[in-house]
């Protein structure tokens, strides 16, 4: 939507004679003049809406940031029964940074 609004604004600027003449009076037939006048006013809505949507999506981590989740291992050691408090990596991880925790099934030694 942002690309559509910006391309429409570029067409209005081209029709008006440049970005400096964006709000200048047009000298063209009534239908063309009304079309440009409506476009000048209505381009603000899609720009604001799409900018708000992109900001909200980035705030709630809905946009990819390049960091993917690590893949689950194909093979596991088969050893189980380790105490969670004995895991150094889990002890050093602050609770605020913990997004999810997948625990193994104690009845399945091949569970990752």
C-alpha atoms as a PDB file:
ATOM      1  CA  UNK A   1       0.000   0.000   0.000  1.00  0.00           C
ATOM      2  CA  UNK A   2       2.901   2.318   0.725  1.00  0.00           C
ATOM      3  CA  UNK A   3       4.379   1.734  -2.732  1.00  0.00           C
ATOM      4  CA  UNK A   4       0.996   2.370  -4.330  1.00  0.00           C
ATOM      5  CA  UNK A   5       0.528   5.628  -2.395  1.00  0.00           C
ATOM      6  CA  UNK A   6       4.039   6.850  -3.172  1.00  0.00           C
ATOM      7  CA  UNK A   7       3.706   6.044  -6.865  1.00  0.00           C
ATOM      8  CA  UNK A   8       0.384   7.916  -6.900  1.00  0.00           C
ATOM      9  CA  UNK A   9       2.036  10.903  -5.214  1.00  0.00           C
ATOM     10  CA  UNK A  10       4.781  10.823  -7.848  1.00  0.00           C
ATOM     11  CA  UNK A  11       2.152  10.867 -10.605  1.00  0.00           C
ATOM     12  CA  UNK A  12       0.421  13.859  -8.990  1.00  0.00           C
ATOM     13  CA  UNK A  13       3.768  15.660  -8.715  1.00  0.00           C
ATOM     14  CA  UNK A  14       4.479  14.932 -12.356  1.00  0.00           C
ATOM     15  CA  UNK A  15       1.049  16.220 -13.364  1.00  0.00           C
ATOM     16  CA  UNK A  16       1.450  19.370 -11.248  1.00  0.00           C
ATOM     17  CA  UNK A  17       4.893  20.143 -12.644  1.00  0.00           C
ATOM     18  CA  UNK A  18       7.165  18.936  -9.847  1.00  0.00           C
ATOM     19  CA  UNK A  19       7.219  18.451  -6.091  1.00  0.00           C
ATOM     20  CA  UNK A  20       7.475  22.202  -5.453  1.00  0.00           C
ATOM     21  CA  UNK A  21       4.214  22.756  -7.308  1.00  0.00           C
ATOM     22  CA  UNK A  22       2.341  19.976  -5.445  1.00  0.00           C
ATOM     23  CA  UNK A  23      -0.354  22.397  -4.196  1.00  0.00           C
ATOM     24  CA  UNK A  24      -0.254  24.787  -7.158  1.00  0.00           C
ATOM     25  CA  UNK A  25      -3.416  25.483  -9.126  1.00  0.00           C
ATOM     26  CA  UNK A  26      -3.821  23.232 -12.158  1.00  0.00           C
ATOM     27  CA  UNK A  27      -4.801  24.446 -15.597  1.00  0.00           C
ATOM     28  CA  UNK A  28      -6.501  21.460 -17.154  1.00  0.00           C
ATOM     29  CA  UNK A  29     -10.040  20.230 -17.854  1.00  0.00           C
ATOM     30  CA  UNK A  30     -12.397  19.860 -14.881  1.00  0.00           C
ATOM     31  CA  UNK A  31     -12.282  16.034 -14.770  1.00  0.00           C
ATOM     32  CA  UNK A  32      -8.489  15.942 -14.628  1.00  0.00           C
ATOM     33  CA  UNK A  33      -8.343  18.749 -12.088  1.00  0.00           C
ATOM     34  CA  UNK A  34     -10.845  17.000  -9.786  1.00  0.00           C
ATOM     35  CA  UNK A  35      -8.926  13.758 -10.092  1.00  0.00           C
ATOM     36  CA  UNK A  36      -5.687  15.426  -8.995  1.00  0.00           C
ATOM     37  CA  UNK A  37      -7.390  17.380  -6.188  1.00  0.00           C
ATOM     38  CA  UNK A  38      -8.903  14.208  -4.751  1.00  0.00           C
ATOM     39  CA  UNK A  39      -5.561  12.406  -5.082  1.00  0.00           C
ATOM     40  CA  UNK A  40      -3.730  15.182  -3.245  1.00  0.00           C
ATOM     41  CA  UNK A  41      -6.018  14.837  -0.250  1.00  0.00           C
ATOM     42  CA  UNK A  42      -6.520  11.085  -0.245  1.00  0.00           C
ATOM     43  CA  UNK A  43      -2.846  10.079  -0.558  1.00  0.00           C
ATOM     44  CA  UNK A  44      -2.341  10.914   3.123  1.00  0.00           C
ATOM     45  CA  UNK A  45      -4.652   8.091   4.255  1.00  0.00           C
ATOM     46  CA  UNK A  46      -2.838   5.155   2.620  1.00  0.00           C
ATOM     47  CA  UNK A  47       0.578   6.577   3.548  1.00  0.00           C
ATOM     48  CA  UNK A  48      -0.423   6.934   7.204  1.00  0.00           C
ATOM     49  CA  UNK A  49      -2.147   3.541   7.242  1.00  0.00           C
ATOM     50  CA  UNK A  50       0.758   1.649   5.676  1.00  0.00           C
ATOM     51  CA  UNK A  51       3.357   3.428   7.812  1.00  0.00           C
ATOM     52  CA  UNK A  52       1.358   2.548  10.931  1.00  0.00           C
ATOM     53  CA  UNK A  53       1.010  -1.073   9.799  1.00  0.00           C
ATOM     54  CA  UNK A  54       4.752  -1.394   9.165  1.00  0.00           C
ATOM     55  CA  UNK A  55       5.596   0.179  12.522  1.00  0.00           C
ATOM     56  CA  UNK A  56       3.158  -2.115  14.341  1.00  0.00           C
ATOM     57  CA  UNK A  57       4.479  -5.187  12.525  1.00  0.00           C
ATOM     58  CA  UNK A  58       8.046  -4.321  13.474  1.00  0.00           C
ATOM     59  CA  UNK A  59       7.039  -3.626  17.089  1.00  0.00           C
ATOM     60  CA  UNK A  60       5.420  -7.050  17.495  1.00  0.00           C
ATOM     61  CA  UNK A  61       8.256  -8.849  15.637  1.00  0.00           C
ATOM     62  CA  UNK A  62       6.050  -9.832  12.700  1.00  0.00           C
ATOM     63  CA  UNK A  63       8.672  -8.761  10.158  1.00  0.00           C
ATOM     64  CA  UNK A  64      11.711 -10.961   9.588  1.00  0.00           C
ATOM     65  CA  UNK A  65      14.875  -9.578  11.154  1.00  0.00           C
ATOM     66  CA  UNK A  66      17.296 -12.065   9.657  1.00  0.00           C
ATOM     67  CA  UNK A  67      17.742 -14.202  12.762  1.00  0.00           C
ATOM     68  CA  UNK A  68      16.056 -17.568  12.350  1.00  0.00           C
ATOM     69  CA  UNK A  69      15.404 -20.232  14.899  1.00  0.00           C
ATOM     70  CA  UNK A  70      17.992 -22.993  15.038  1.00  0.00           C
ATOM     71  CA  UNK A  71      17.017 -26.309  13.475  1.00  0.00           C
ATOM     72  CA  UNK A  72      16.168 -29.247  15.700  1.00  0.00           C
ATOM     73  CA  UNK A  73      18.881 -31.904  15.730  1.00  0.00           C
ATOM     74  CA  UNK A  74      18.417 -34.948  13.529  1.00  0.00           C
ATOM     75  CA  UNK A  75      20.058 -37.311  16.031  1.00  0.00           C
ATOM     76  CA  UNK A  76      20.189 -37.142  19.794  1.00  0.00           C
ATOM     77  CA  UNK A  77      22.437 -38.889  22.304  1.00  0.00           C
ATOM     78  CA  UNK A  78      19.643 -40.867  23.935  1.00  0.00           C
ATOM     79  CA  UNK A  79      20.725 -39.805  27.411  1.00  0.00           C
ATOM     80  CA  UNK A  80      18.036 -38.190  29.482  1.00  0.00           C
ATOM     81  CA  UNK A  81      17.411 -37.241  33.062  1.00  0.00           C
ATOM     82  CA  UNK A  82      19.586 -34.129  33.321  1.00  0.00           C
ATOM     83  CA  UNK A  83      18.478 -31.626  35.951  1.00  0.00           C
ATOM     84  CA  UNK A  84      17.413 -28.271  34.468  1.00  0.00           C
ATOM     85  CA  UNK A  85      19.368 -26.429  37.162  1.00  0.00           C
ATOM     86  CA  UNK A  86      22.566 -28.169  36.029  1.00  0.00           C
ATOM     87  CA  UNK A  87      22.393 -26.628  32.537  1.00  0.00           C
ATOM     88  CA  UNK A  88      24.814 -23.683  32.493  1.00  0.00           C
ATOM     89  CA  UNK A  89      23.276 -22.135  29.373  1.00  0.00           C
ATOM     90  CA  UNK A  90      19.810 -22.179  30.922  1.00  0.00           C
ATOM     91  CA  UNK A  91      21.071 -20.689  34.212  1.00  0.00           C
ATOM     92  CA  UNK A  92      22.799 -17.798  32.420  1.00  0.00           C
ATOM     93  CA  UNK A  93      19.781 -16.957  30.268  1.00  0.00           C
ATOM     94  CA  UNK A  94      17.688 -14.137  31.775  1.00  0.00           C
ATOM     95  CA  UNK A  95      13.969 -14.856  32.029  1.00  0.00           C
ATOM     96  CA  UNK A  96      13.162 -11.714  30.017  1.00  0.00           C
ATOM     97  CA  UNK A  97      15.096 -13.134  27.035  1.00  0.00           C
ATOM     98  CA  UNK A  98      13.416 -16.541  27.204  1.00  0.00           C
ATOM     99  CA  UNK A  99      10.878 -16.820  24.383  1.00  0.00           C
ATOM    100  CA  UNK A 100      10.096 -20.543  24.501  1.00  0.00           C
ATOM    101  CA  UNK A 101      11.428 -23.661  26.114  1.00  0.00           C
ATOM    102  CA  UNK A 102      10.931 -27.126  24.628  1.00  0.00           C
ATOM    103  CA  UNK A 103      11.522 -29.908  27.116  1.00  0.00           C
ATOM    104  CA  UNK A 104      12.138 -33.499  26.065  1.00  0.00           C
ATOM    105  CA  UNK A 105       9.644 -36.270  26.642  1.00  0.00           C
ATOM    106  CA  UNK A 106      11.098 -38.466  29.420  1.00  0.00           C
ATOM    107  CA  UNK A 107       9.440 -41.557  27.921  1.00  0.00           C
ATOM    108  CA  UNK A 108      11.016 -41.074  24.465  1.00  0.00           C
ATOM    109  CA  UNK A 109      14.860 -41.224  24.433  1.00  0.00           C
ATOM    110  CA  UNK A 110      14.988 -40.097  20.789  1.00  0.00           C
ATOM    111  CA  UNK A 111      13.067 -36.848  21.453  1.00  0.00           C
ATOM    112  CA  UNK A 112      15.038 -33.700  20.830  1.00  0.00           C
END
